[in-house]
Amino acid sequence: LISSKIIIIIILYSSLNDLPFLLDFAIFYALSGFIG
């Protein structure tokens, strides 16, 4: 649950500050969290 909320926070921060490269980090974090 913490991992999913952090992913949502990264995506929101990326959209609020117009930083599209952070979406790559969110995808990587989601995949590594799932595998872990």
PDB file of all heavy atoms in Angstrom:
ATOM      1  N   LEU A   1       0.826  -1.206   0.000  1.00  0.00           N
ATOM      2  CA  LEU A   1       0.000   0.000   0.000  1.00  0.00           C
ATOM      3  C   LEU A   1       0.860   1.255   0.000  1.00  0.00           C
ATOM      4  O   LEU A   1       0.552   2.226  -0.708  1.00  0.00           O
ATOM      5  CB  LEU A   1      -0.940  -0.014   1.208  1.00  0.00           C
ATOM      6  CG  LEU A   1      -2.051  -1.047   1.168  1.00  0.00           C
ATOM      7  CD1 LEU A   1      -2.756  -1.130   2.515  1.00  0.00           C
ATOM      8  CD2 LEU A   1      -3.034  -0.715   0.076  1.00  0.00           C
ATOM      9  N   ILE A   2       1.933   1.252   0.779  1.00  0.00           N
ATOM     10  CA  ILE A   2       2.851   2.392   0.790  1.00  0.00           C
ATOM     11  C   ILE A   2       3.472   2.574  -0.582  1.00  0.00           C
ATOM     12  O   ILE A   2       3.568   3.690  -1.101  1.00  0.00           O
ATOM     13  CB  ILE A   2       3.933   2.199   1.874  1.00  0.00           C
ATOM     14  CG1 ILE A   2       3.309   2.327   3.261  1.00  0.00           C
ATOM     15  CG2 ILE A   2       5.054   3.214   1.708  1.00  0.00           C
ATOM     16  CD1 ILE A   2       4.244   1.929   4.386  1.00  0.00           C
ATOM     17  N   SER A   3       3.873   1.481  -1.205  1.00  0.00           N
ATOM     18  CA  SER A   3       4.479   1.539  -2.525  1.00  0.00           C
ATOM     19  C   SER A   3       3.515   2.125  -3.556  1.00  0.00           C
ATOM     20  O   SER A   3       3.906   2.966  -4.373  1.00  0.00           O
ATOM     21  CB  SER A   3       4.924   0.144  -2.945  1.00  0.00           C
ATOM     22  OG  SER A   3       5.414   0.139  -4.245  1.00  0.00           O
ATOM     23  N   SER A   4       2.267   1.703  -3.514  1.00  0.00           N
ATOM     24  CA  SER A   4       1.304   2.218  -4.499  1.00  0.00           C
ATOM     25  C   SER A   4       1.033   3.705  -4.281  1.00  0.00           C
ATOM     26  O   SER A   4       0.905   4.463  -5.249  1.00  0.00           O
ATOM     27  CB  SER A   4       0.012   1.421  -4.443  1.00  0.00           C
ATOM     28  OG  SER A   4      -0.649   1.614  -3.216  1.00  0.00           O
ATOM     29  N   LYS A   5       0.987   4.140  -3.033  1.00  0.00           N
ATOM     30  CA  LYS A   5       0.771   5.568  -2.769  1.00  0.00           C
ATOM     31  C   LYS A   5       1.980   6.394  -3.195  1.00  0.00           C
ATOM     32  O   LYS A   5       1.822   7.502  -3.707  1.00  0.00           O
ATOM     33  CB  LYS A   5       0.470   5.815  -1.288  1.00  0.00           C
ATOM     34  CG  LYS A   5      -0.794   5.167  -0.802  1.00  0.00           C
ATOM     35  CD  LYS A   5      -1.988   5.551  -1.631  1.00  0.00           C
ATOM     36  CE  LYS A   5      -3.185   4.758  -1.203  1.00  0.00           C
ATOM     37  NZ  LYS A   5      -4.025   4.298  -2.261  1.00  0.00           N
ATOM     38  N   ILE A   6       3.187   5.874  -3.013  1.00  0.00           N
ATOM     39  CA  ILE A   6       4.377   6.600  -3.456  1.00  0.00           C
ATOM     40  C   ILE A   6       4.388   6.719  -4.968  1.00  0.00           C
ATOM     41  O   ILE A   6       4.769   7.769  -5.514  1.00  0.00           O
ATOM     42  CB  ILE A   6       5.652   5.915  -2.919  1.00  0.00           C
ATOM     43  CG1 ILE A   6       5.750   6.128  -1.415  1.00  0.00           C
ATOM     44  CG2 ILE A   6       6.901   6.447  -3.615  1.00  0.00           C
ATOM     45  CD1 ILE A   6       6.886   5.404  -0.758  1.00  0.00           C
ATOM     46  N   ILE A   7       3.955   5.695  -5.665  1.00  0.00           N
ATOM     47  CA  ILE A   7       3.871   5.767  -7.125  1.00  0.00           C
ATOM     48  C   ILE A   7       2.878   6.849  -7.544  1.00  0.00           C
ATOM     49  O   ILE A   7       3.149   7.647  -8.454  1.00  0.00           O
ATOM     50  CB  ILE A   7       3.489   4.401  -7.708  1.00  0.00           C
ATOM     51  CG1 ILE A   7       4.627   3.405  -7.494  1.00  0.00           C
ATOM     52  CG2 ILE A   7       3.146   4.503  -9.191  1.00  0.00           C
ATOM     53  CD1 ILE A   7       4.243   1.977  -7.731  1.00  0.00           C
ATOM     54  N   ILE A   8       1.733   6.906  -6.893  1.00  0.00           N
ATOM     55  CA  ILE A   8       0.743   7.938  -7.206  1.00  0.00           C
ATOM     56  C   ILE A   8       1.303   9.321  -6.901  1.00  0.00           C
ATOM     57  O   ILE A   8       1.101  10.267  -7.676  1.00  0.00           O
ATOM     58  CB  ILE A   8      -0.569   7.682  -6.432  1.00  0.00           C
ATOM     59  CG1 ILE A   8      -1.237   6.416  -6.949  1.00  0.00           C
ATOM     60  CG2 ILE A   8      -1.513   8.865  -6.551  1.00  0.00           C
ATOM     61  CD1 ILE A   8      -2.401   5.954  -6.123  1.00  0.00           C
ATOM     62  N   ILE A   9       2.035   9.456  -5.804  1.00  0.00           N
ATOM     63  CA  ILE A   9       2.628  10.745  -5.451  1.00  0.00           C
ATOM     64  C   ILE A   9       3.655  11.166  -6.499  1.00  0.00           C
ATOM     65  O   ILE A   9       3.710  12.339  -6.893  1.00  0.00           O
ATOM     66  CB  ILE A   9       3.240  10.681  -4.035  1.00  0.00           C
ATOM     67  CG1 ILE A   9       2.126  10.625  -2.996  1.00  0.00           C
ATOM     68  CG2 ILE A   9       4.159  11.865  -3.778  1.00  0.00           C
ATOM     69  CD1 ILE A   9       2.597  10.306  -1.597  1.00  0.00           C
ATOM     70  N   ILE A  10       4.466  10.239  -6.968  1.00  0.00           N
ATOM     71  CA  ILE A  10       5.450  10.559  -8.012  1.00  0.00           C
ATOM     72  C   ILE A  10       4.742  11.014  -9.285  1.00  0.00           C
ATOM     73  O   ILE A  10       5.150  11.996  -9.919  1.00  0.00           O
ATOM     74  CB  ILE A  10       6.366   9.349  -8.289  1.00  0.00           C
ATOM     75  CG1 ILE A  10       7.279   9.084  -7.105  1.00  0.00           C
ATOM     76  CG2 ILE A  10       7.201   9.584  -9.542  1.00  0.00           C
ATOM     77  CD1 ILE A  10       8.061   7.787  -7.220  1.00  0.00           C
ATOM     78  N   ILE A  11       3.677  10.331  -9.664  1.00  0.00           N
ATOM     79  CA  ILE A  11       2.940  10.699 -10.871  1.00  0.00           C
ATOM     80  C   ILE A  11       2.290  12.074 -10.711  1.00  0.00           C
ATOM     81  O   ILE A  11       2.334  12.907 -11.628  1.00  0.00           O
ATOM     82  CB  ILE A  11       1.904   9.621 -11.214  1.00  0.00           C
ATOM     83  CG1 ILE A  11       2.618   8.342 -11.648  1.00  0.00           C
ATOM     84  CG2 ILE A  11       0.943  10.096 -12.296  1.00  0.00           C
ATOM     85  CD1 ILE A  11       1.722   7.148 -11.789  1.00  0.00           C
ATOM     86  N   LEU A  12       1.694  12.342  -9.556  1.00  0.00           N
ATOM     87  CA  LEU A  12       1.095  13.655  -9.321  1.00  0.00           C
ATOM     88  C   LEU A  12       2.141  14.759  -9.333  1.00  0.00           C
ATOM     89  O   LEU A  12       1.930  15.827  -9.923  1.00  0.00           O
ATOM     90  CB  LEU A  12       0.336  13.664  -7.995  1.00  0.00           C
ATOM     91  CG  LEU A  12      -0.998  12.953  -7.965  1.00  0.00           C
ATOM     92  CD1 LEU A  12      -1.549  12.919  -6.557  1.00  0.00           C
ATOM     93  CD2 LEU A  12      -1.970  13.637  -8.900  1.00  0.00           C
ATOM     94  N   TYR A  13       3.270  14.516  -8.682  1.00  0.00           N
ATOM     95  CA  TYR A  13       4.345  15.506  -8.662  1.00  0.00           C
ATOM     96  C   TYR A  13       4.855  15.772 -10.075  1.00  0.00           C
ATOM     97  O   TYR A  13       5.126  16.916 -10.441  1.00  0.00           O
ATOM     98  CB  TYR A  13       5.478  15.031  -7.756  1.00  0.00           C
ATOM     99  CG  TYR A  13       6.603  16.025  -7.618  1.00  0.00           C
ATOM    100  CD1 TYR A  13       6.478  17.111  -6.768  1.00  0.00           C
ATOM    101  CD2 TYR A  13       7.783  15.874  -8.338  1.00  0.00           C
ATOM    102  CE1 TYR A  13       7.493  18.028  -6.636  1.00  0.00           C
ATOM    103  CE2 TYR A  13       8.810  16.784  -8.221  1.00  0.00           C
ATOM    104  CZ  TYR A  13       8.665  17.856  -7.369  1.00  0.00           C
ATOM    105  OH  TYR A  13       9.670  18.770  -7.249  1.00  0.00           O
ATOM    106  N   SER A  14       4.962  14.713 -10.860  1.00  0.00           N
ATOM    107  CA  SER A  14       5.413  14.846 -12.240  1.00  0.00           C
ATOM    108  C   SER A  14       4.439  15.694 -13.061  1.00  0.00           C
ATOM    109  O   SER A  14       4.862  16.547 -13.846  1.00  0.00           O
ATOM    110  CB  SER A  14       5.555  13.462 -12.867  1.00  0.00           C
ATOM    111  OG  SER A  14       5.795  13.557 -14.242  1.00  0.00           O
ATOM    112  N   SER A  15       3.158  15.475 -12.885  1.00  0.00           N
ATOM    113  CA  SER A  15       2.182  16.241 -13.664  1.00  0.00           C
ATOM    114  C   SER A  15       2.048  17.676 -13.167  1.00  0.00           C
ATOM    115  O   SER A  15       1.839  18.590 -13.965  1.00  0.00           O
ATOM    116  CB  SER A  15       0.830  15.545 -13.646  1.00  0.00           C
ATOM    117  OG  SER A  15       0.294  15.541 -12.350  1.00  0.00           O
ATOM    118  N   LEU A  16       2.181  17.907 -11.855  1.00  0.00           N
ATOM    119  CA  LEU A  16       2.077  19.265 -11.327  1.00  0.00           C
ATOM    120  C   LEU A  16       3.254  20.138 -11.732  1.00  0.00           C
ATOM    121  O   LEU A  16       3.097  21.342 -11.971  1.00  0.00           O
ATOM    122  CB  LEU A  16       1.972  19.234  -9.799  1.00  0.00           C
ATOM    123  CG  LEU A  16       0.654  18.756  -9.212  1.00  0.00           C
ATOM    124  CD1 LEU A  16       0.760  18.656  -7.702  1.00  0.00           C
ATOM    125  CD2 LEU A  16      -0.467  19.687  -9.608  1.00  0.00           C
ATOM    126  N   ASN A  17       4.435  19.556 -11.805  1.00  0.00           N
ATOM    127  CA  ASN A  17       5.638  20.332 -12.099  1.00  0.00           C
ATOM    128  C   ASN A  17       6.139  20.148 -13.529  1.00  0.00           C
ATOM    129  O   ASN A  17       7.240  20.592 -13.852  1.00  0.00           O
ATOM    130  CB  ASN A  17       6.741  19.973 -11.109  1.00  0.00           C
ATOM    131  CG  ASN A  17       6.371  20.400  -9.712  1.00  0.00           C
ATOM    132  OD1 ASN A  17       5.827  21.470  -9.504  1.00  0.00           O
ATOM    133  ND2 ASN A  17       6.645  19.535  -8.753  1.00  0.00           N
ATOM    134  N   ASP A  18       5.363  19.498 -14.381  1.00  0.00           N
ATOM    135  CA  ASP A  18       5.695  19.278 -15.785  1.00  0.00           C
ATOM    136  C   ASP A  18       7.078  18.628 -15.934  1.00  0.00           C
ATOM    137  O   ASP A  18       7.954  19.143 -16.619  1.00  0.00           O
ATOM    138  CB  ASP A  18       5.619  20.594 -16.560  1.00  0.00           C
ATOM    139  CG  ASP A  18       5.561  20.380 -18.054  1.00  0.00           C
ATOM    140  OD1 ASP A  18       5.058  19.314 -18.469  1.00  0.00           O
ATOM    141  OD2 ASP A  18       6.022  21.264 -18.802  1.00  0.00           O
ATOM    142  N   LEU A  19       7.241  17.501 -15.264  1.00  0.00           N
ATOM    143  CA  LEU A  19       8.491  16.734 -15.310  1.00  0.00           C
ATOM    144  C   LEU A  19       8.191  15.318 -15.800  1.00  0.00           C
ATOM    145  O   LEU A  19       8.062  14.384 -15.014  1.00  0.00           O
ATOM    146  CB  LEU A  19       9.142  16.684 -13.921  1.00  0.00           C
ATOM    147  CG  LEU A  19       9.506  18.022 -13.289  1.00  0.00           C
ATOM    148  CD1 LEU A  19       9.896  17.830 -11.842  1.00  0.00           C
ATOM    149  CD2 LEU A  19      10.605  18.695 -14.085  1.00  0.00           C
ATOM    150  N   PRO A  20       8.076  15.134 -17.108  1.00  0.00           N
ATOM    151  CA  PRO A  20       7.658  13.821 -17.620  1.00  0.00           C
ATOM    152  C   PRO A  20       8.670  12.699 -17.397  1.00  0.00           C
ATOM    153  O   PRO A  20       8.303  11.531 -17.403  1.00  0.00           O
ATOM    154  CB  PRO A  20       7.448  14.074 -19.115  1.00  0.00           C
ATOM    155  CG  PRO A  20       8.242  15.274 -19.429  1.00  0.00           C
ATOM    156  CD  PRO A  20       8.278  16.099 -18.181  1.00  0.00           C
ATOM    157  N   PHE A  21       9.938  13.025 -17.172  1.00  0.00           N
ATOM    158  CA  PHE A  21      10.927  11.973 -16.971  1.00  0.00           C
ATOM    159  C   PHE A  21      10.707  11.226 -15.656  1.00  0.00           C
ATOM    160  O   PHE A  21      11.187  10.102 -15.490  1.00  0.00           O
ATOM    161  CB  PHE A  21      12.357  12.541 -17.021  1.00  0.00           C
ATOM    162  CG  PHE A  21      12.699  13.449 -15.876  1.00  0.00           C
ATOM    163  CD1 PHE A  21      13.279  12.938 -14.726  1.00  0.00           C
ATOM    164  CD2 PHE A  21      12.454  14.803 -15.956  1.00  0.00           C
ATOM    165  CE1 PHE A  21      13.595  13.761 -13.674  1.00  0.00           C
ATOM    166  CE2 PHE A  21      12.779  15.632 -14.906  1.00  0.00           C
ATOM    167  CZ  PHE A  21      13.351  15.119 -13.760  1.00  0.00           C
ATOM    168  N   LEU A  22       9.977  11.821 -14.722  1.00  0.00           N
ATOM    169  CA  LEU A  22       9.697  11.138 -13.457  1.00  0.00           C
ATOM    170  C   LEU A  22       8.747   9.954 -13.640  1.00  0.00           C
ATOM    171  O   LEU A  22       8.695   9.071 -12.783  1.00  0.00           O
ATOM    172  CB  LEU A  22       9.120  12.111 -12.440  1.00  0.00           C
ATOM    173  CG  LEU A  22      10.104  13.123 -11.852  1.00  0.00           C
ATOM    174  CD1 LEU A  22       9.389  14.050 -10.891  1.00  0.00           C
ATOM    175  CD2 LEU A  22      11.258  12.430 -11.166  1.00  0.00           C
ATOM    176  N   LEU A  23       8.007   9.939 -14.734  1.00  0.00           N
ATOM    177  CA  LEU A  23       7.123   8.802 -14.993  1.00  0.00           C
ATOM    178  C   LEU A  23       7.920   7.523 -15.210  1.00  0.00           C
ATOM    179  O   LEU A  23       7.465   6.433 -14.857  1.00  0.00           O
ATOM    180  CB  LEU A  23       6.230   9.090 -16.196  1.00  0.00           C
ATOM    181  CG  LEU A  23       5.254  10.254 -16.026  1.00  0.00           C
ATOM    182  CD1 LEU A  23       4.511  10.503 -17.318  1.00  0.00           C
ATOM    183  CD2 LEU A  23       4.307   9.995 -14.878  1.00  0.00           C
ATOM    184  N   ASP A  24       9.118   7.650 -15.772  1.00  0.00           N
ATOM    185  CA  ASP A  24       9.989   6.480 -15.920  1.00  0.00           C
ATOM    186  C   ASP A  24      10.374   5.914 -14.561  1.00  0.00           C
ATOM    187  O   ASP A  24      10.404   4.696 -14.368  1.00  0.00           O
ATOM    188  CB  ASP A  24      11.249   6.841 -16.707  1.00  0.00           C
ATOM    189  CG  ASP A  24      10.952   7.230 -18.132  1.00  0.00           C
ATOM    190  OD1 ASP A  24       9.924   6.764 -18.659  1.00  0.00           O
ATOM    191  OD2 ASP A  24      11.742   8.002 -18.708  1.00  0.00           O
ATOM    192  N   PHE A  25      10.661   6.800 -13.619  1.00  0.00           N
ATOM    193  CA  PHE A  25      10.993   6.350 -12.269  1.00  0.00           C
ATOM    194  C   PHE A  25       9.796   5.682 -11.604  1.00  0.00           C
ATOM    195  O   PHE A  25       9.946   4.697 -10.878  1.00  0.00           O
ATOM    196  CB  PHE A  25      11.481   7.521 -11.407  1.00  0.00           C
ATOM    197  CG  PHE A  25      12.818   8.038 -11.800  1.00  0.00           C
ATOM    198  CD1 PHE A  25      12.953   9.282 -12.383  1.00  0.00           C
ATOM    199  CD2 PHE A  25      13.953   7.267 -11.608  1.00  0.00           C
ATOM    200  CE1 PHE A  25      14.194   9.760 -12.751  1.00  0.00           C
ATOM    201  CE2 PHE A  25      15.206   7.725 -11.964  1.00  0.00           C
ATOM    202  CZ  PHE A  25      15.324   8.978 -12.545  1.00  0.00           C
ATOM    203  N   ALA A  26       8.601   6.208 -11.843  1.00  0.00           N
ATOM    204  CA  ALA A  26       7.391   5.603 -11.273  1.00  0.00           C
ATOM    205  C   ALA A  26       7.164   4.202 -11.839  1.00  0.00           C
ATOM    206  O   ALA A  26       6.816   3.274 -11.092  1.00  0.00           O
ATOM    207  CB  ALA A  26       6.183   6.491 -11.544  1.00  0.00           C
ATOM    208  N   ILE A  27       7.388   4.041 -13.136  1.00  0.00           N
ATOM    209  CA  ILE A  27       7.221   2.720 -13.755  1.00  0.00           C
ATOM    210  C   ILE A  27       8.253   1.742 -13.211  1.00  0.00           C
ATOM    211  O   ILE A  27       7.936   0.594 -12.868  1.00  0.00           O
ATOM    212  CB  ILE A  27       7.315   2.826 -15.288  1.00  0.00           C
ATOM    213  CG1 ILE A  27       6.104   3.569 -15.821  1.00  0.00           C
ATOM    214  CG2 ILE A  27       7.405   1.448 -15.935  1.00  0.00           C
ATOM    215  CD1 ILE A  27       6.207   3.929 -17.280  1.00  0.00           C
ATOM    216  N   PHE A  28       9.511   2.185 -13.099  1.00  0.00           N
ATOM    217  CA  PHE A  28      10.559   1.323 -12.557  1.00  0.00           C
ATOM    218  C   PHE A  28      10.263   0.943 -11.105  1.00  0.00           C
ATOM    219  O   PHE A  28      10.444  -0.209 -10.701  1.00  0.00           O
ATOM    220  CB  PHE A  28      11.916   2.017 -12.653  1.00  0.00           C
ATOM    221  CG  PHE A  28      13.021   1.239 -12.005  1.00  0.00           C
ATOM    222  CD1 PHE A  28      13.534   0.102 -12.616  1.00  0.00           C
ATOM    223  CD2 PHE A  28      13.540   1.620 -10.785  1.00  0.00           C
ATOM    224  CE1 PHE A  28      14.537  -0.629 -12.034  1.00  0.00           C
ATOM    225  CE2 PHE A  28      14.539   0.892 -10.180  1.00  0.00           C
ATOM    226  CZ  PHE A  28      15.044  -0.235 -10.804  1.00  0.00           C
ATOM    227  N   TYR A  29       9.809   1.915 -10.318  1.00  0.00           N
ATOM    228  CA  TYR A  29       9.481   1.656  -8.914  1.00  0.00           C
ATOM    229  C   TYR A  29       8.326   0.659  -8.801  1.00  0.00           C
ATOM    230  O   TYR A  29       8.350  -0.232  -7.944  1.00  0.00           O
ATOM    231  CB  TYR A  29       9.121   2.972  -8.218  1.00  0.00           C
ATOM    232  CG  TYR A  29       8.972   2.855  -6.736  1.00  0.00           C
ATOM    233  CD1 TYR A  29      10.077   2.721  -5.907  1.00  0.00           C
ATOM    234  CD2 TYR A  29       7.710   2.874  -6.139  1.00  0.00           C
ATOM    235  CE1 TYR A  29       9.935   2.613  -4.544  1.00  0.00           C
ATOM    236  CE2 TYR A  29       7.559   2.767  -4.785  1.00  0.00           C
ATOM    237  CZ  TYR A  29       8.678   2.638  -3.985  1.00  0.00           C
ATOM    238  OH  TYR A  29       8.530   2.518  -2.636  1.00  0.00           O
ATOM    239  N   ALA A  30       7.333   0.778  -9.682  1.00  0.00           N
ATOM    240  CA  ALA A  30       6.206  -0.151  -9.654  1.00  0.00           C
ATOM    241  C   ALA A  30       6.649  -1.561 -10.018  1.00  0.00           C
ATOM    242  O   ALA A  30       6.260  -2.530  -9.351  1.00  0.00           O
ATOM    243  CB  ALA A  30       5.120   0.320 -10.617  1.00  0.00           C
ATOM    244  N   LEU A  31       7.469  -1.699 -11.046  1.00  0.00           N
ATOM    245  CA  LEU A  31       7.934  -3.026 -11.454  1.00  0.00           C
ATOM    246  C   LEU A  31       8.828  -3.665 -10.397  1.00  0.00           C
ATOM    247  O   LEU A  31       8.695  -4.852 -10.095  1.00  0.00           O
ATOM    248  CB  LEU A  31       8.672  -2.936 -12.791  1.00  0.00           C
ATOM    249  CG  LEU A  31       7.803  -2.655 -14.003  1.00  0.00           C
ATOM    250  CD1 LEU A  31       8.665  -2.432 -15.234  1.00  0.00           C
ATOM    251  CD2 LEU A  31       6.832  -3.778 -14.231  1.00  0.00           C
ATOM    252  N   SER A  32       9.741  -2.880  -9.833  1.00  0.00           N
ATOM    253  CA  SER A  32      10.622  -3.451  -8.816  1.00  0.00           C
ATOM    254  C   SER A  32       9.845  -3.799  -7.544  1.00  0.00           C
ATOM    255  O   SER A  32      10.131  -4.807  -6.888  1.00  0.00           O
ATOM    256  CB  SER A  32      11.773  -2.501  -8.503  1.00  0.00           C
ATOM    257  OG  SER A  32      11.287  -1.293  -7.970  1.00  0.00           O
ATOM    258  N   GLY A  33       8.843  -2.998  -7.194  1.00  0.00           N
ATOM    259  CA  GLY A  33       8.012  -3.310  -6.042  1.00  0.00           C
ATOM    260  C   GLY A  33       7.198  -4.571  -6.249  1.00  0.00           C
ATOM    261  O   GLY A  33       7.054  -5.393  -5.329  1.00  0.00           O
ATOM    262  N   PHE A  34       6.689  -4.763  -7.448  1.00  0.00           N
ATOM    263  CA  PHE A  34       5.913  -5.965  -7.754  1.00  0.00           C
ATOM    264  C   PHE A  34       6.797  -7.210  -7.680  1.00  0.00           C
ATOM    265  O   PHE A  34       6.425  -8.209  -7.055  1.00  0.00           O
ATOM    266  CB  PHE A  34       5.285  -5.841  -9.141  1.00  0.00           C
ATOM    267  CG  PHE A  34       4.580  -7.081  -9.595  1.00  0.00           C
ATOM    268  CD1 PHE A  34       3.378  -7.446  -9.029  1.00  0.00           C
ATOM    269  CD2 PHE A  34       5.131  -7.887 -10.572  1.00  0.00           C
ATOM    270  CE1 PHE A  34       2.721  -8.593  -9.440  1.00  0.00           C
ATOM    271  CE2 PHE A  34       4.487  -9.035 -10.992  1.00  0.00           C
ATOM    272  CZ  PHE A  34       3.279  -9.390 -10.420  1.00  0.00           C
ATOM    273  N   ILE A  35       7.962  -7.146  -8.301  1.00  0.00           N
ATOM    274  CA  ILE A  35       8.875  -8.301  -8.290  1.00  0.00           C
ATOM    275  C   ILE A  35       9.347  -8.598  -6.871  1.00  0.00           C
ATOM    276  O   ILE A  35       9.406  -9.758  -6.456  1.00  0.00           O
ATOM    277  CB  ILE A  35      10.051  -8.056  -9.250  1.00  0.00           C
ATOM    278  CG1 ILE A  35       9.542  -8.051 -10.685  1.00  0.00           C
ATOM    279  CG2 ILE A  35      11.136  -9.105  -9.070  1.00  0.00           C
ATOM    280  CD1 ILE A  35      10.555  -7.579 -11.700  1.00  0.00           C
ATOM    281  N   GLY A  36       9.643  -7.559  -6.113  1.00  0.00           N
ATOM    282  CA  GLY A  36      10.057  -7.761  -4.726  1.00  0.00           C
ATOM    283  C   GLY A  36       8.970  -8.395  -3.884  1.00  0.00           C
ATOM    284  O   GLY A  36       9.236  -9.274  -3.054  1.00  0.00           O
TER     285      GLY A  36
END
